[in-house]
Amino acid sequence: MTHYAGLEIGGTKLIAARGMGRSIVERVSVETTTPAETLGSAVDVLARWHREEPLSAIGVASFGPLRIDPFAPDYGHVLATPKRGWEGADMLAGLRGFGVPIALDTDVNAAALAEAQLGAGQGCDSLIYITIGTGIGGGVVVGRRPAHGLLHPELGHMMLRRVAGDDFAGACPFHGDCIEGLVSGPALHKRFGGDAAAAAAQDRRWDEVATDLAQLLANLLLALSPQRIVIGGGVGLGQQAMVRNAAAKVPAIVAGYLPGIDADAMGRLIVPPALGADAGPLGAILLAEAAAMTSKESLRRG
């Protein structure tokens, strides 16, 4: 079977996944420290795998914002980020020396791709993957391919209609009360003045948070018309009651404008990830697979 490597580079850890076809046969986790240390460790792992059996391609699924336009002079570099020491980092550093095709995308786009092809979105032509944790990231698959454009989707920084009477300022260092500043883990900690998980289910602030998330879901349905929205991440999976409450609020927000959007539809549309923690690494391997296929097609034509 074809030998691939996938890197999922997150804010707290990097996962290197060794793939035989679409199956992960080995994985190595590295703490995300400095770019040089983290990426250097990943290159060492890939070099060992490459010596044992030559890699056919490498897929990189990284946190963003990230320059993913291969024709841009700063292709592969991290853009403005609150993660200290990583702005301007070259996420492809050391990988070009392997002499194999390399594909790059965001970690959430890769996770969306994996869920669309192998997980909760099988059979869907369009899917959105939202991870709610330390931040909020969103990956978009349309026509079974990750969405790119001016940059890449940055759903966590959308600014939406606020709940009447909610004066919480938000926690985003860039925008204050964008959706990441209202619903992410640090936002909940700030909003609740401590561990949000310890707050009573009846606390009115949970309803405000659910309404904020419902605004995001409604806007995504209106803007991108996804066939499925997958919600994961530490908060997304840990606060299932809040997610269900948010989904239940969406029909009232769209107010009958979208046909068929009712409680039953929301139960089919808004789902947890089927691949769990494997979505990112598998997505990186799928990126590698696509890069290898593109390279072969270019050679055939060429």
C-alpha atoms as a PDB file:
ATOM      1  CA  MET A   1       0.000   0.000   0.000  1.00  0.00           C
ATOM      2  CA  THR A   2       1.072   3.606  -0.587  1.00  0.00           C
ATOM      3  CA  HIS A   3       3.143   5.085   2.245  1.00  0.00           C
ATOM      4  CA  TYR A   4       2.077   8.552   3.412  1.00  0.00           C
ATOM      5  CA  ALA A   5       2.925  10.866   6.296  1.00  0.00           C
ATOM      6  CA  GLY A   6       0.501  13.338   7.817  1.00  0.00           C
ATOM      7  CA  LEU A   7       1.237  16.115  10.305  1.00  0.00           C
ATOM      8  CA  GLU A   8      -1.512  17.654  12.383  1.00  0.00           C
ATOM      9  CA  ILE A   9       0.031  20.743  13.975  1.00  0.00           C
ATOM     10  CA  GLY A  10      -2.052  22.077  16.838  1.00  0.00           C
ATOM     11  CA  GLY A  11      -1.552  24.766  19.417  1.00  0.00           C
ATOM     12  CA  THR A  12      -0.597  22.318  22.178  1.00  0.00           C
ATOM     13  CA  LYS A  13       0.720  19.282  20.314  1.00  0.00           C
ATOM     14  CA  LEU A  14       1.798  18.006  16.933  1.00  0.00           C
ATOM     15  CA  ILE A  15       0.730  14.551  15.808  1.00  0.00           C
ATOM     16  CA  ALA A  16       2.751  12.781  13.139  1.00  0.00           C
ATOM     17  CA  ALA A  17       0.720   9.987  11.548  1.00  0.00           C
ATOM     18  CA  ARG A  18       2.133   7.262   9.352  1.00  0.00           C
ATOM     19  CA  GLY A  19      -0.378   6.038   6.827  1.00  0.00           C
ATOM     20  CA  MET A  20      -0.516   2.931   4.716  1.00  0.00           C
ATOM     21  CA  GLY A  21      -3.187   3.959   2.290  1.00  0.00           C
ATOM     22  CA  ARG A  22      -5.874   5.547   4.457  1.00  0.00           C
ATOM     23  CA  SER A  23      -5.022   3.547   7.568  1.00  0.00           C
ATOM     24  CA  ILE A  24      -2.908   5.025  10.368  1.00  0.00           C
ATOM     25  CA  VAL A  25      -0.317   2.431  11.366  1.00  0.00           C
ATOM     26  CA  GLU A  26       1.839   4.574  13.671  1.00  0.00           C
ATOM     27  CA  ARG A  27       1.587   7.954  15.332  1.00  0.00           C
ATOM     28  CA  VAL A  28       3.961  10.087  17.350  1.00  0.00           C
ATOM     29  CA  SER A  29       2.895  13.037  19.500  1.00  0.00           C
ATOM     30  CA  VAL A  30       5.213  16.007  20.073  1.00  0.00           C
ATOM     31  CA  GLU A  31       4.554  18.940  22.392  1.00  0.00           C
ATOM     32  CA  THR A  32       4.133  22.238  20.552  1.00  0.00           C
ATOM     33  CA  THR A  33       6.904  24.463  21.910  1.00  0.00           C
ATOM     34  CA  THR A  34       8.955  26.624  19.541  1.00  0.00           C
ATOM     35  CA  PRO A  35       8.706  26.263  15.763  1.00  0.00           C
ATOM     36  CA  ALA A  36      12.302  25.013  15.496  1.00  0.00           C
ATOM     37  CA  GLU A  37      11.904  22.376  18.216  1.00  0.00           C
ATOM     38  CA  THR A  38       8.443  21.215  17.215  1.00  0.00           C
ATOM     39  CA  LEU A  39       8.958  21.043  13.464  1.00  0.00           C
ATOM     40  CA  GLY A  40      12.474  19.673  13.891  1.00  0.00           C
ATOM     41  CA  SER A  41      11.134  16.771  15.947  1.00  0.00           C
ATOM     42  CA  ALA A  42       8.502  16.080  13.294  1.00  0.00           C
ATOM     43  CA  VAL A  43      11.104  16.037  10.520  1.00  0.00           C
ATOM     44  CA  ASP A  44      13.165  13.531  12.531  1.00  0.00           C
ATOM     45  CA  VAL A  45      10.151  11.204  12.815  1.00  0.00           C
ATOM     46  CA  LEU A  46       9.390  11.462   9.109  1.00  0.00           C
ATOM     47  CA  ALA A  47      13.037  10.864   8.245  1.00  0.00           C
ATOM     48  CA  ARG A  48      12.941   7.572  10.162  1.00  0.00           C
ATOM     49  CA  TRP A  49       9.798   6.483   8.375  1.00  0.00           C
ATOM     50  CA  HIS A  50      11.270   7.537   5.025  1.00  0.00           C
ATOM     51  CA  ARG A  51      14.383   5.440   5.638  1.00  0.00           C
ATOM     52  CA  GLU A  52      12.275   2.397   6.483  1.00  0.00           C
ATOM     53  CA  GLU A  53      10.106   2.817   3.395  1.00  0.00           C
ATOM     54  CA  PRO A  54      10.144   5.844   1.079  1.00  0.00           C
ATOM     55  CA  LEU A  55       7.236   8.194   1.576  1.00  0.00           C
ATOM     56  CA  SER A  56       5.034   8.932  -1.430  1.00  0.00           C
ATOM     57  CA  ALA A  57       3.731  12.281  -0.133  1.00  0.00           C
ATOM     58  CA  ILE A  58       3.337  14.409   2.986  1.00  0.00           C
ATOM     59  CA  GLY A  59       0.200  16.183   4.161  1.00  0.00           C
ATOM     60  CA  VAL A  60       0.377  19.076   6.627  1.00  0.00           C
ATOM     61  CA  ALA A  61      -2.716  20.191   8.542  1.00  0.00           C
ATOM     62  CA  SER A  62      -1.804  23.200  10.662  1.00  0.00           C
ATOM     63  CA  PHE A  63      -3.420  25.705  12.971  1.00  0.00           C
ATOM     64  CA  GLY A  64      -3.871  29.103  11.377  1.00  0.00           C
ATOM     65  CA  PRO A  65      -4.228  31.668  10.142  1.00  0.00           C
ATOM     66  CA  LEU A  66      -1.990  30.272   7.459  1.00  0.00           C
ATOM     67  CA  ARG A  67      -0.902  31.227   3.965  1.00  0.00           C
ATOM     68  CA  ILE A  68      -2.078  28.316   1.829  1.00  0.00           C
ATOM     69  CA  ASP A  69      -1.749  29.912  -1.622  1.00  0.00           C
ATOM     70  CA  PRO A  70       1.226  28.040  -3.198  1.00  0.00           C
ATOM     71  CA  PHE A  71       1.977  31.034  -5.415  1.00  0.00           C
ATOM     72  CA  ALA A  72       2.294  33.495  -2.514  1.00  0.00           C
ATOM     73  CA  PRO A  73       5.829  34.464  -1.436  1.00  0.00           C
ATOM     74  CA  ASP A  74       5.004  33.532   2.159  1.00  0.00           C
ATOM     75  CA  TYR A  75       3.356  30.211   1.284  1.00  0.00           C
ATOM     76  CA  GLY A  76       3.283  27.893   4.275  1.00  0.00           C
ATOM     77  CA  HIS A  77       3.870  30.643   6.836  1.00  0.00           C
ATOM     78  CA  VAL A  78       1.718  31.373   9.883  1.00  0.00           C
ATOM     79  CA  LEU A  79       0.086  34.805   9.748  1.00  0.00           C
ATOM     80  CA  ALA A  80      -1.050  36.989  12.684  1.00  0.00           C
ATOM     81  CA  THR A  81      -1.579  34.703  15.655  1.00  0.00           C
ATOM     82  CA  PRO A  82      -1.775  35.149  19.428  1.00  0.00           C
ATOM     83  CA  LYS A  83       0.428  32.046  19.805  1.00  0.00           C
ATOM     84  CA  ARG A  84       3.719  33.506  20.937  1.00  0.00           C
ATOM     85  CA  GLY A  85       6.722  32.827  18.720  1.00  0.00           C
ATOM     86  CA  TRP A  86       4.761  31.297  15.835  1.00  0.00           C
ATOM     87  CA  GLU A  87       3.847  34.317  13.730  1.00  0.00           C
ATOM     88  CA  GLY A  88       5.857  34.039  10.508  1.00  0.00           C
ATOM     89  CA  ALA A  89       6.857  30.408  11.177  1.00  0.00           C
ATOM     90  CA  ASP A  90       7.382  28.281   8.055  1.00  0.00           C
ATOM     91  CA  MET A  91       5.255  25.174   8.613  1.00  0.00           C
ATOM     92  CA  LEU A  92       6.955  23.403   5.718  1.00  0.00           C
ATOM     93  CA  ALA A  93      10.449  23.914   7.117  1.00  0.00           C
ATOM     94  CA  GLY A  94      12.556  20.804   6.604  1.00  0.00           C
ATOM     95  CA  LEU A  95       9.883  18.947   4.637  1.00  0.00           C
ATOM     96  CA  ARG A  96      10.905  19.990   1.126  1.00  0.00           C
ATOM     97  CA  GLY A  97      14.122  18.008   1.489  1.00  0.00           C
ATOM     98  CA  PHE A  98      12.217  14.721   1.265  1.00  0.00           C
ATOM     99  CA  GLY A  99      11.656  15.369  -2.435  1.00  0.00           C
ATOM    100  CA  VAL A 100       8.022  14.197  -2.392  1.00  0.00           C
ATOM    101  CA  PRO A 101       4.743  16.034  -3.048  1.00  0.00           C
ATOM    102  CA  ILE A 102       3.551  18.109  -0.082  1.00  0.00           C
ATOM    103  CA  ALA A 103       0.023  19.360   0.557  1.00  0.00           C
ATOM    104  CA  LEU A 104      -0.832  22.062   3.085  1.00  0.00           C
ATOM    105  CA  ASP A 105      -4.135  23.124   4.602  1.00  0.00           C
ATOM    106  CA  THR A 106      -5.571  24.181   7.933  1.00  0.00           C
ATOM    107  CA  ASP A 107      -6.151  21.583  10.629  1.00  0.00           C
ATOM    108  CA  VAL A 108      -9.899  22.224  10.556  1.00  0.00           C
ATOM    109  CA  ASN A 109     -10.143  21.984   6.768  1.00  0.00           C
ATOM    110  CA  ALA A 110      -8.300  18.663   6.997  1.00  0.00           C
ATOM    111  CA  ALA A 111     -10.636  17.441   9.747  1.00  0.00           C
ATOM    112  CA  ALA A 112     -13.620  18.515   7.631  1.00  0.00           C
ATOM    113  CA  LEU A 113     -12.211  16.572   4.683  1.00  0.00           C
ATOM    114  CA  ALA A 114     -11.755  13.442   6.804  1.00  0.00           C
ATOM    115  CA  GLU A 115     -15.256  13.636   8.278  1.00  0.00           C
ATOM    116  CA  ALA A 116     -16.697  14.214   4.790  1.00  0.00           C
ATOM    117  CA  GLN A 117     -14.934  11.235   3.231  1.00  0.00           C
ATOM    118  CA  LEU A 118     -14.610   8.791   6.099  1.00  0.00           C
ATOM    119  CA  GLY A 119     -16.780   9.981   8.996  1.00  0.00           C
ATOM    120  CA  ALA A 120     -20.015  11.734   9.859  1.00  0.00           C
ATOM    121  CA  GLY A 121     -20.384  13.385   6.450  1.00  0.00           C
ATOM    122  CA  GLN A 122     -20.133  10.360   4.185  1.00  0.00           C
ATOM    123  CA  GLY A 123     -22.512  10.836   1.276  1.00  0.00           C
ATOM    124  CA  CYS A 124     -22.569  14.616   1.715  1.00  0.00           C
ATOM    125  CA  ASP A 125     -21.276  16.972  -0.953  1.00  0.00           C
ATOM    126  CA  SER A 126     -20.882  19.854   1.514  1.00  0.00           C
ATOM    127  CA  LEU A 127     -19.870  19.805   5.179  1.00  0.00           C
ATOM    128  CA  ILE A 128     -18.664  22.207   7.837  1.00  0.00           C
ATOM    129  CA  TYR A 129     -16.471  21.074  10.722  1.00  0.00           C
ATOM    130  CA  ILE A 130     -16.401  23.319  13.797  1.00  0.00           C
ATOM    131  CA  THR A 131     -14.030  22.741  16.678  1.00  0.00           C
ATOM    132  CA  ILE A 132     -14.779  24.605  19.909  1.00  0.00           C
ATOM    133  CA  GLY A 133     -11.915  24.538  22.364  1.00  0.00           C
ATOM    134  CA  THR A 134      -9.122  26.974  23.194  1.00  0.00           C
ATOM    135  CA  GLY A 135     -10.326  28.799  20.096  1.00  0.00           C
ATOM    136  CA  ILE A 136     -12.995  28.177  17.499  1.00  0.00           C
ATOM    137  CA  GLY A 137     -11.940  26.879  14.116  1.00  0.00           C
ATOM    138  CA  GLY A 138     -14.051  26.028  11.119  1.00  0.00           C
ATOM    139  CA  GLY A 139     -13.274  23.883   8.101  1.00  0.00           C
ATOM    140  CA  VAL A 140     -15.460  23.891   5.004  1.00  0.00           C
ATOM    141  CA  VAL A 141     -15.763  21.201   2.334  1.00  0.00           C
ATOM    142  CA  VAL A 142     -17.723  22.057  -0.817  1.00  0.00           C
ATOM    143  CA  GLY A 143     -17.883  19.735  -3.794  1.00  0.00           C
ATOM    144  CA  ARG A 144     -15.942  17.235  -1.656  1.00  0.00           C
ATOM    145  CA  ARG A 145     -12.943  19.594  -1.592  1.00  0.00           C
ATOM    146  CA  PRO A 146     -11.695  21.987   1.141  1.00  0.00           C
ATOM    147  CA  ALA A 147     -12.724  25.582   0.529  1.00  0.00           C
ATOM    148  CA  HIS A 148      -9.975  28.103  -0.263  1.00  0.00           C
ATOM    149  CA  GLY A 149     -10.104  31.649  -1.520  1.00  0.00           C
ATOM    150  CA  LEU A 150      -8.584  34.907  -0.385  1.00  0.00           C
ATOM    151  CA  LEU A 151      -7.273  32.891   2.576  1.00  0.00           C
ATOM    152  CA  HIS A 152      -9.198  30.042   4.169  1.00  0.00           C
ATOM    153  CA  PRO A 153     -12.374  29.935   6.264  1.00  0.00           C
ATOM    154  CA  GLU A 154     -12.031  31.727   9.618  1.00  0.00           C
ATOM    155  CA  LEU A 155     -15.459  30.966  11.025  1.00  0.00           C
ATOM    156  CA  GLY A 156     -14.402  31.561  14.615  1.00  0.00           C
ATOM    157  CA  HIS A 157     -13.960  35.271  13.996  1.00  0.00           C
ATOM    158  CA  MET A 158     -17.395  35.942  12.548  1.00  0.00           C
ATOM    159  CA  MET A 159     -19.220  38.750  14.350  1.00  0.00           C
ATOM    160  CA  LEU A 160     -22.875  38.024  14.923  1.00  0.00           C
ATOM    161  CA  ARG A 161     -26.004  39.471  16.506  1.00  0.00           C
ATOM    162  CA  ARG A 162     -25.665  39.572  20.296  1.00  0.00           C
ATOM    163  CA  VAL A 163     -28.221  38.431  22.849  1.00  0.00           C
ATOM    164  CA  ALA A 164     -30.274  41.384  24.063  1.00  0.00           C
ATOM    165  CA  GLY A 165     -29.026  42.489  27.472  1.00  0.00           C
ATOM    166  CA  ASP A 166     -25.830  40.416  27.391  1.00  0.00           C
ATOM    167  CA  ASP A 167     -23.000  42.856  28.129  1.00  0.00           C
ATOM    168  CA  PHE A 168     -20.155  40.317  28.176  1.00  0.00           C
ATOM    169  CA  ALA A 169     -17.311  42.057  26.298  1.00  0.00           C
ATOM    170  CA  GLY A 170     -15.817  38.877  24.855  1.00  0.00           C
ATOM    171  CA  ALA A 171     -12.340  37.404  25.073  1.00  0.00           C
ATOM    172  CA  CYS A 172     -10.881  37.584  21.562  1.00  0.00           C
ATOM    173  CA  PRO A 173      -7.682  39.703  21.518  1.00  0.00           C
ATOM    174  CA  PHE A 174      -8.495  40.823  17.964  1.00  0.00           C
ATOM    175  CA  HIS A 175     -12.268  41.340  17.896  1.00  0.00           C
ATOM    176  CA  GLY A 176     -13.599  41.104  21.440  1.00  0.00           C
ATOM    177  CA  ASP A 177     -17.039  39.591  20.959  1.00  0.00           C
ATOM    178  CA  CYS A 178     -16.640  37.559  17.755  1.00  0.00           C
ATOM    179  CA  ILE A 179     -17.960  34.016  18.175  1.00  0.00           C
ATOM    180  CA  GLU A 180     -14.559  32.790  19.414  1.00  0.00           C
ATOM    181  CA  GLY A 181     -14.565  35.588  21.963  1.00  0.00           C
ATOM    182  CA  LEU A 182     -17.984  34.468  23.209  1.00  0.00           C
ATOM    183  CA  VAL A 183     -18.020  30.663  23.149  1.00  0.00           C
ATOM    184  CA  SER A 184     -14.426  29.320  23.207  1.00  0.00           C
ATOM    185  CA  GLY A 185     -12.978  27.726  26.334  1.00  0.00           C
ATOM    186  CA  PRO A 186     -11.156  30.897  27.510  1.00  0.00           C
ATOM    187  CA  ALA A 187     -14.300  32.947  26.767  1.00  0.00           C
ATOM    188  CA  LEU A 188     -16.428  30.636  28.911  1.00  0.00           C
ATOM    189  CA  HIS A 189     -13.854  30.777  31.714  1.00  0.00           C
ATOM    190  CA  LYS A 190     -13.960  34.580  31.610  1.00  0.00           C
ATOM    191  CA  ARG A 191     -17.744  34.741  31.263  1.00  0.00           C
ATOM    192  CA  PHE A 192     -18.368  32.379  34.194  1.00  0.00           C
ATOM    193  CA  GLY A 193     -15.481  33.678  36.300  1.00  0.00           C
ATOM    194  CA  GLY A 194     -13.899  30.221  36.524  1.00  0.00           C
ATOM    195  CA  ASP A 195     -14.589  26.664  35.433  1.00  0.00           C
ATOM    196  CA  ALA A 196     -17.741  26.858  33.322  1.00  0.00           C
ATOM    197  CA  ALA A 197     -18.319  23.118  33.729  1.00  0.00           C
ATOM    198  CA  ALA A 198     -18.995  23.744  37.424  1.00  0.00           C
ATOM    199  CA  ALA A 199     -21.865  26.130  36.647  1.00  0.00           C
ATOM    200  CA  ALA A 200     -25.422  24.848  37.084  1.00  0.00           C
ATOM    201  CA  ALA A 201     -27.219  23.734  33.931  1.00  0.00           C
ATOM    202  CA  GLN A 202     -29.961  26.273  34.755  1.00  0.00           C
ATOM    203  CA  ASP A 203     -27.523  29.203  34.818  1.00  0.00           C
ATOM    204  CA  ARG A 204     -28.913  31.782  32.372  1.00  0.00           C
ATOM    205  CA  ARG A 205     -25.436  32.329  30.961  1.00  0.00           C
ATOM    206  CA  TRP A 206     -25.580  28.872  29.338  1.00  0.00           C
ATOM    207  CA  ASP A 207     -28.640  29.997  27.404  1.00  0.00           C
ATOM    208  CA  GLU A 208     -26.784  33.111  26.264  1.00  0.00           C
ATOM    209  CA  VAL A 209     -23.866  30.971  25.083  1.00  0.00           C
ATOM    210  CA  ALA A 210     -26.241  28.601  23.275  1.00  0.00           C
ATOM    211  CA  THR A 211     -27.898  31.561  21.562  1.00  0.00           C
ATOM    212  CA  ASP A 212     -24.499  32.864  20.432  1.00  0.00           C
ATOM    213  CA  LEU A 213     -23.639  29.469  18.950  1.00  0.00           C
ATOM    214  CA  ALA A 214     -27.098  29.230  17.358  1.00  0.00           C
ATOM    215  CA  GLN A 215     -26.431  32.541  15.586  1.00  0.00           C
ATOM    216  CA  LEU A 216     -23.281  31.027  14.080  1.00  0.00           C
ATOM    217  CA  LEU A 217     -25.100  27.869  12.981  1.00  0.00           C
ATOM    218  CA  ALA A 218     -27.932  29.849  11.396  1.00  0.00           C
ATOM    219  CA  ASN A 219     -25.516  32.082   9.503  1.00  0.00           C
ATOM    220  CA  LEU A 220     -23.564  29.078   8.221  1.00  0.00           C
ATOM    221  CA  LEU A 221     -26.761  27.462   6.957  1.00  0.00           C
ATOM    222  CA  LEU A 222     -27.716  30.688   5.198  1.00  0.00           C
ATOM    223  CA  ALA A 223     -24.276  31.458   3.758  1.00  0.00           C
ATOM    224  CA  LEU A 224     -22.929  28.028   2.793  1.00  0.00           C
ATOM    225  CA  SER A 225     -25.938  25.680   2.804  1.00  0.00           C
ATOM    226  CA  PRO A 226     -24.034  22.703   4.259  1.00  0.00           C
ATOM    227  CA  GLN A 227     -25.621  19.268   4.297  1.00  0.00           C
ATOM    228  CA  ARG A 228     -23.999  18.581   7.649  1.00  0.00           C
ATOM    229  CA  ILE A 229     -22.306  20.558  10.436  1.00  0.00           C
ATOM    230  CA  VAL A 230     -19.976  18.532  12.643  1.00  0.00           C
ATOM    231  CA  ILE A 231     -19.149  20.050  16.042  1.00  0.00           C
ATOM    232  CA  GLY A 232     -16.119  18.783  17.950  1.00  0.00           C
ATOM    233  CA  GLY A 233     -13.381  20.092  20.236  1.00  0.00           C
ATOM    234  CA  GLY A 234     -13.111  20.023  24.003  1.00  0.00           C
ATOM    235  CA  VAL A 235     -16.007  22.425  24.581  1.00  0.00           C
ATOM    236  CA  GLY A 236     -18.066  21.164  21.654  1.00  0.00           C
ATOM    237  CA  LEU A 237     -17.950  17.590  22.940  1.00  0.00           C
ATOM    238  CA  GLY A 238     -17.863  18.446  26.635  1.00  0.00           C
ATOM    239  CA  GLN A 239     -20.928  20.689  26.586  1.00  0.00           C
ATOM    240  CA  GLN A 240     -23.360  18.588  24.578  1.00  0.00           C
ATOM    241  CA  ALA A 241     -26.403  20.078  26.320  1.00  0.00           C
ATOM    242  CA  MET A 242     -25.308  23.555  25.221  1.00  0.00           C
ATOM    243  CA  VAL A 243     -24.795  22.353  21.620  1.00  0.00           C
ATOM    244  CA  ARG A 244     -28.225  20.692  21.562  1.00  0.00           C
ATOM    245  CA  ASN A 245     -29.786  23.863  22.969  1.00  0.00           C
ATOM    246  CA  ALA A 246     -28.067  25.914  20.259  1.00  0.00           C
ATOM    247  CA  ALA A 247     -29.283  23.576  17.507  1.00  0.00           C
ATOM    248  CA  ALA A 248     -32.831  23.780  18.877  1.00  0.00           C
ATOM    249  CA  LYS A 249     -32.762  27.592  18.623  1.00  0.00           C
ATOM    250  CA  VAL A 250     -31.807  27.686  14.928  1.00  0.00           C
ATOM    251  CA  PRO A 251     -35.308  27.153  13.400  1.00  0.00           C
ATOM    252  CA  ALA A 252     -36.629  30.216  15.228  1.00  0.00           C
ATOM    253  CA  ILE A 253     -33.661  32.306  14.063  1.00  0.00           C
ATOM    254  CA  VAL A 254     -34.114  31.439  10.371  1.00  0.00           C
ATOM    255  CA  ALA A 255     -37.856  32.022  10.912  1.00  0.00           C
ATOM    256  CA  GLY A 256     -39.146  29.726   8.190  1.00  0.00           C
ATOM    257  CA  TYR A 257     -36.931  31.175   5.449  1.00  0.00           C
ATOM    258  CA  LEU A 258     -35.068  27.894   4.861  1.00  0.00           C
ATOM    259  CA  PRO A 259     -37.442  25.066   3.929  1.00  0.00           C
ATOM    260  CA  GLY A 260     -37.412  21.997   6.139  1.00  0.00           C
ATOM    261  CA  ILE A 261     -35.365  23.507   8.975  1.00  0.00           C
ATOM    262  CA  ASP A 262     -37.147  22.143  12.011  1.00  0.00           C
ATOM    263  CA  ALA A 263     -36.187  20.169  15.111  1.00  0.00           C
ATOM    264  CA  ASP A 264     -35.950  16.872  13.224  1.00  0.00           C
ATOM    265  CA  ALA A 265     -33.767  18.417  10.527  1.00  0.00           C
ATOM    266  CA  MET A 266     -31.435  19.947  13.086  1.00  0.00           C
ATOM    267  CA  GLY A 267     -30.910  16.529  14.652  1.00  0.00           C
ATOM    268  CA  ARG A 268     -29.638  15.275  11.286  1.00  0.00           C
ATOM    269  CA  LEU A 269     -27.710  18.418  10.364  1.00  0.00           C
ATOM    270  CA  ILE A 270     -25.785  19.087  13.601  1.00  0.00           C
ATOM    271  CA  VAL A 271     -23.803  16.039  14.687  1.00  0.00           C
ATOM    272  CA  PRO A 272     -20.666  15.136  16.673  1.00  0.00           C
ATOM    273  CA  PRO A 273     -17.585  13.900  14.822  1.00  0.00           C
ATOM    274  CA  ALA A 274     -17.482  10.218  13.936  1.00  0.00           C
ATOM    275  CA  LEU A 275     -13.676  10.056  13.764  1.00  0.00           C
ATOM    276  CA  GLY A 276     -12.926  11.658  17.128  1.00  0.00           C
ATOM    277  CA  ALA A 277      -9.281  12.611  17.583  1.00  0.00           C
ATOM    278  CA  ASP A 278      -8.367  10.846  14.334  1.00  0.00           C
ATOM    279  CA  ALA A 279     -10.101  13.455  12.142  1.00  0.00           C
ATOM    280  CA  GLY A 280      -7.059  15.763  11.959  1.00  0.00           C
ATOM    281  CA  PRO A 281      -4.363  13.107  11.348  1.00  0.00           C
ATOM    282  CA  LEU A 282      -6.567  11.262   8.835  1.00  0.00           C
ATOM    283  CA  GLY A 283      -7.273  14.556   7.119  1.00  0.00           C
ATOM    284  CA  ALA A 284      -3.528  15.183   6.812  1.00  0.00           C
ATOM    285  CA  ILE A 285      -3.105  11.739   5.251  1.00  0.00           C
ATOM    286  CA  LEU A 286      -5.933  12.466   2.806  1.00  0.00           C
ATOM    287  CA  LEU A 287      -4.118  15.691   1.860  1.00  0.00           C
ATOM    288  CA  ALA A 288      -0.992  13.628   1.187  1.00  0.00           C
ATOM    289  CA  GLU A 289      -3.002  11.157  -0.890  1.00  0.00           C
ATOM    290  CA  ALA A 290      -4.438  13.976  -3.000  1.00  0.00           C
ATOM    291  CA  ALA A 291      -0.971  15.505  -3.494  1.00  0.00           C
ATOM    292  CA  ALA A 292       0.426  12.157  -4.659  1.00  0.00           C
ATOM    293  CA  MET A 293      -2.446  11.673  -7.102  1.00  0.00           C
ATOM    294  CA  THR A 294      -2.039  15.203  -8.487  1.00  0.00           C
ATOM    295  CA  SER A 295       1.690  14.640  -8.951  1.00  0.00           C
ATOM    296  CA  LYS A 296       1.096  11.361 -10.785  1.00  0.00           C
ATOM    297  CA  GLU A 297      -1.494  12.985 -13.047  1.00  0.00           C
ATOM    298  CA  SER A 298       0.901  15.825 -13.870  1.00  0.00           C
ATOM    299  CA  LEU A 299       3.628  13.348 -14.777  1.00  0.00           C
ATOM    300  CA  ARG A 300       1.208  11.365 -16.928  1.00  0.00           C
ATOM    301  CA  ARG A 301       0.167  14.474 -18.825  1.00  0.00           C
ATOM    302  CA  GLY A 302       3.587  15.665 -19.060  1.00  0.00           C
END
